[in-house]
Amino acid sequence: MSPPAPRLALANVSKRFPGVQANDRISLTVAPGEIHAVLGENGAGKSTLMKIIYGVRPDNGTMRWNGAPVVIHNPRQARWLGIAMVFQHFALFETLTVAENVWLGLDRRITRVDTARDVERVSALYGLDLDPEAPVATMSASQVNDISPTFTRNGLVRRSTPVTSSVRMSVPKRAACSRNRAMSAGPSMPSGKPG
């Protein structure tokens, strides 16, 4: 029996903006159920790569979703496929609960009750101290920081805050990652296990 196709596969993806080569022949695979962290310094091309996965057209390269070629034209199409984006500067509404904040960015086929259950399940899985019904205004800075990169139902590609001198992640975030890819302004580094 052959192994399942990668959930997401990028091959030789490139994107250039006036005066800068943001991505140069990036290849990446993400297996079903895997959380693949994309790490690197500011300007390394992480945001551009994530935006390509979320609907910005690359100059070159191909994308496959569940083994089939796909061209994602916009974020709505990406969400329909099950791809979600957690932006680096995730804006939270302090008057809403954790579950309500997570639910805001999801497809409306997913109920708020299901989202609260997912927040509870993922919090327990990664040892996070997050109550899905707690208003964000009542939470510590550390708890708020755990919301954005941890919760995206059906999300397969997540990103960590860019680091400027080392590739280090907090213990809960590192534990949540199956693999990582370090990027730099030059060619990207091969994938590896977080450590």
Protein backbone atom coordinates (compact mmCIF):
# COMPACT_ATOMS: atom_id res chain seq x y z
CA MET A 1 0.00 0.00 0.00
CA SER A 2 1.46 3.36 -1.00
CA PRO A 3 1.70 6.21 1.52
CA PRO A 4 -0.97 8.93 1.28
CA ALA A 5 -0.28 11.92 -0.92
CA PRO A 6 0.96 14.99 0.91
CA ARG A 7 -1.88 17.26 1.99
CA LEU A 8 0.01 20.20 0.48
CA ALA A 9 2.97 20.14 -1.89
CA LEU A 10 4.75 23.13 -3.40
CA ALA A 11 7.35 22.62 -6.11
CA ASN A 12 9.81 25.30 -7.24
CA VAL A 13 7.58 28.20 -6.19
CA SER A 14 9.04 31.63 -6.93
CA LYS A 15 7.72 35.14 -6.40
CA ARG A 16 9.41 38.39 -7.34
CA PHE A 17 8.38 41.93 -6.46
CA PRO A 18 10.02 45.04 -7.94
CA GLY A 19 13.60 44.99 -6.70
CA VAL A 20 13.36 41.83 -4.58
CA GLN A 21 13.19 38.07 -5.11
CA ALA A 22 10.86 37.14 -2.23
CA ASN A 23 10.82 33.37 -2.91
CA ASP A 24 13.23 31.48 -5.14
CA ARG A 25 12.29 27.91 -6.15
CA ILE A 26 10.81 26.90 -2.77
CA SER A 27 9.62 23.31 -2.46
CA LEU A 28 7.67 22.19 0.58
CA THR A 29 5.46 19.24 1.54
CA VAL A 30 3.04 18.99 4.44
CA ALA A 31 1.61 15.58 5.31
CA PRO A 32 -1.96 15.07 6.54
CA GLY A 33 -2.15 16.00 10.23
CA GLU A 34 1.31 17.59 10.22
CA ILE A 35 2.04 21.04 11.56
CA HIS A 36 4.96 22.46 9.62
CA ALA A 37 6.51 25.62 11.05
CA VAL A 38 8.09 28.09 8.64
CA LEU A 39 10.77 30.06 10.47
CA GLY A 40 13.26 32.72 9.55
CA GLU A 41 14.47 36.26 9.87
CA ASN A 42 12.52 39.29 8.75
CA GLY A 43 12.64 39.54 4.96
CA ALA A 44 13.28 35.84 4.41
CA GLY A 45 10.07 35.34 2.41
CA LYS A 46 7.91 33.53 4.97
CA SER A 47 4.91 35.84 4.61
CA THR A 48 5.09 35.72 0.83
CA LEU A 49 5.17 31.92 0.86
CA MET A 50 2.17 31.77 3.20
CA LYS A 51 0.27 34.26 1.04
CA ILE A 52 0.96 32.11 -2.04
CA ILE A 53 -0.58 29.15 -0.25
CA TYR A 54 -3.50 31.42 0.67
CA GLY A 55 -4.20 32.78 -2.80
CA VAL A 56 -1.46 35.11 -4.09
CA ARG A 57 -0.35 33.90 -7.52
CA PRO A 58 3.31 32.76 -7.71
CA ASP A 59 5.44 33.71 -10.71
CA ASN A 60 6.58 30.09 -11.15
CA GLY A 61 6.05 26.71 -9.58
CA THR A 62 3.18 24.40 -8.83
CA MET A 63 0.93 23.55 -5.91
CA ARG A 64 -0.84 20.27 -5.20
CA TRP A 65 -3.63 19.73 -2.68
CA ASN A 66 -4.27 16.11 -1.64
CA GLY A 67 -2.23 15.01 -4.65
CA ALA A 68 -4.18 17.01 -7.25
CA PRO A 69 -2.82 20.12 -8.99
CA VAL A 70 -4.49 23.28 -7.75
CA VAL A 71 -4.30 26.99 -8.43
CA ILE A 72 -5.64 29.00 -5.50
CA HIS A 73 -7.02 32.32 -6.70
CA ASN A 74 -8.09 33.90 -3.39
CA PRO A 75 -8.44 33.31 0.37
CA ARG A 76 -12.06 32.18 0.02
CA GLN A 77 -10.98 29.31 -2.24
CA ALA A 78 -8.16 28.45 0.18
CA ARG A 79 -10.60 28.32 3.11
CA TRP A 80 -13.00 26.19 1.07
CA LEU A 81 -10.18 23.68 0.57
CA GLY A 82 -9.49 23.71 4.33
CA ILE A 83 -6.46 26.00 4.35
CA ALA A 84 -6.51 28.71 6.99
CA MET A 85 -4.08 31.52 7.66
CA VAL A 86 -2.91 32.79 11.02
CA PHE A 87 -1.39 36.18 10.41
CA GLN A 88 1.71 37.25 12.32
CA HIS A 89 -0.08 40.19 13.88
CA PHE A 90 -3.25 38.38 14.84
CA ALA A 91 -5.85 40.90 15.98
CA LEU A 92 -8.01 39.74 18.88
CA PHE A 93 -11.20 41.35 20.12
CA GLU A 94 -10.68 41.68 23.86
CA THR A 95 -14.42 41.70 24.59
CA LEU A 96 -14.91 38.32 22.90
CA THR A 97 -13.97 34.90 24.27
CA VAL A 98 -11.10 32.79 22.96
CA ALA A 99 -13.54 30.56 21.05
CA GLU A 100 -15.37 33.55 19.56
CA ASN A 101 -12.09 35.10 18.36
CA VAL A 102 -11.02 31.83 16.72
CA TRP A 103 -14.49 31.31 15.23
CA LEU A 104 -14.52 34.76 13.56
CA GLY A 105 -12.06 33.68 10.87
CA LEU A 106 -13.63 30.34 10.08
CA ASP A 107 -16.10 29.10 7.53
CA ARG A 108 -19.62 29.49 8.89
CA ARG A 109 -20.29 25.77 8.36
CA ILE A 110 -18.24 25.32 11.54
CA THR A 111 -20.31 26.21 14.58
CA ARG A 112 -19.14 28.31 17.51
CA VAL A 113 -19.87 25.35 19.82
CA ASP A 114 -17.63 23.07 17.71
CA THR A 115 -14.94 25.75 17.78
CA ALA A 116 -15.09 25.93 21.60
CA ARG A 117 -14.70 22.13 21.75
CA ASP A 118 -11.71 22.32 19.40
CA VAL A 119 -10.08 25.04 21.51
CA GLU A 120 -10.53 22.87 24.61
CA ARG A 121 -9.17 19.75 22.86
CA VAL A 122 -6.13 21.49 21.34
CA SER A 123 -5.38 23.31 24.62
CA ALA A 124 -5.30 19.97 26.45
CA LEU A 125 -3.24 18.32 23.70
CA TYR A 126 -0.50 20.97 23.87
CA GLY A 127 -0.68 21.71 27.59
CA LEU A 128 -2.01 25.25 27.17
CA ASP A 129 -3.91 27.02 29.91
CA LEU A 130 -6.73 28.38 27.74
CA ASP A 131 -10.41 28.41 28.61
CA PRO A 132 -12.45 28.70 25.39
CA GLU A 133 -15.13 30.71 27.23
CA ALA A 134 -12.71 33.20 28.84
CA PRO A 135 -12.88 36.76 27.51
CA VAL A 136 -9.51 37.70 26.02
CA ALA A 137 -9.42 40.84 28.22
CA THR A 138 -9.11 38.60 31.32
CA MET A 139 -6.11 36.61 30.04
CA SER A 140 -2.37 36.98 30.64
CA ALA A 141 -0.09 38.13 27.82
CA SER A 142 1.34 34.61 27.62
CA GLN A 143 -2.12 33.09 27.16
CA VAL A 144 -3.05 35.64 24.49
CA ASN A 145 0.21 34.86 22.68
CA ASP A 146 -0.76 31.17 22.53
CA ILE A 147 -4.06 31.84 20.74
CA SER A 148 -2.93 33.02 17.31
CA PRO A 149 -0.43 30.33 16.26
CA THR A 150 -2.24 27.45 17.93
CA PHE A 151 -5.84 27.65 16.80
CA THR A 152 -6.95 27.43 13.24
CA ARG A 153 -9.43 24.66 12.67
CA ASN A 154 -8.54 22.73 9.51
CA GLY A 155 -5.46 24.95 9.19
CA LEU A 156 -2.45 23.06 7.88
CA VAL A 157 0.18 25.69 7.52
CA ARG A 158 1.01 27.81 10.52
CA ARG A 159 3.68 30.35 11.07
CA SER A 160 5.61 31.48 14.06
CA THR A 161 6.70 35.01 14.83
CA PRO A 162 9.85 35.74 12.80
CA VAL A 163 13.04 35.54 14.80
CA THR A 164 15.96 37.85 14.19
CA SER A 165 18.94 35.93 15.52
CA SER A 166 18.01 32.35 16.27
CA VAL A 167 15.41 29.78 15.36
CA ARG A 168 13.85 29.27 18.78
CA MET A 169 10.23 28.69 19.66
CA SER A 170 8.44 28.41 22.97
CA VAL A 171 7.96 24.88 24.30
CA PRO A 172 4.20 24.68 23.48
CA LYS A 173 4.76 25.94 19.94
CA ARG A 174 7.75 23.64 19.40
CA ALA A 175 5.75 20.67 20.71
CA ALA A 176 2.95 21.50 18.29
CA CYS A 177 5.23 21.28 15.24
CA SER A 178 5.92 18.08 13.38
CA ARG A 179 8.62 19.62 11.17
CA ASN A 180 10.06 23.02 10.44
CA ARG A 181 11.71 24.88 7.59
CA ALA A 182 14.17 27.67 8.20
CA MET A 183 14.21 30.36 5.54
CA SER A 184 16.74 33.07 4.84
CA ALA A 185 17.08 35.82 2.28
CA GLY A 186 19.02 33.29 0.20
CA PRO A 187 17.99 29.72 -0.59
CA SER A 188 15.78 28.01 1.99
CA MET A 189 17.12 25.37 4.32
CA PRO A 190 15.90 21.78 4.18
CA SER A 191 13.04 20.70 6.42
CA GLY A 192 13.84 19.19 9.78
CA LYS A 193 12.44 18.17 13.13
CA PRO A 194 12.05 20.94 15.70
CA GLY A 195 14.58 20.80 18.51
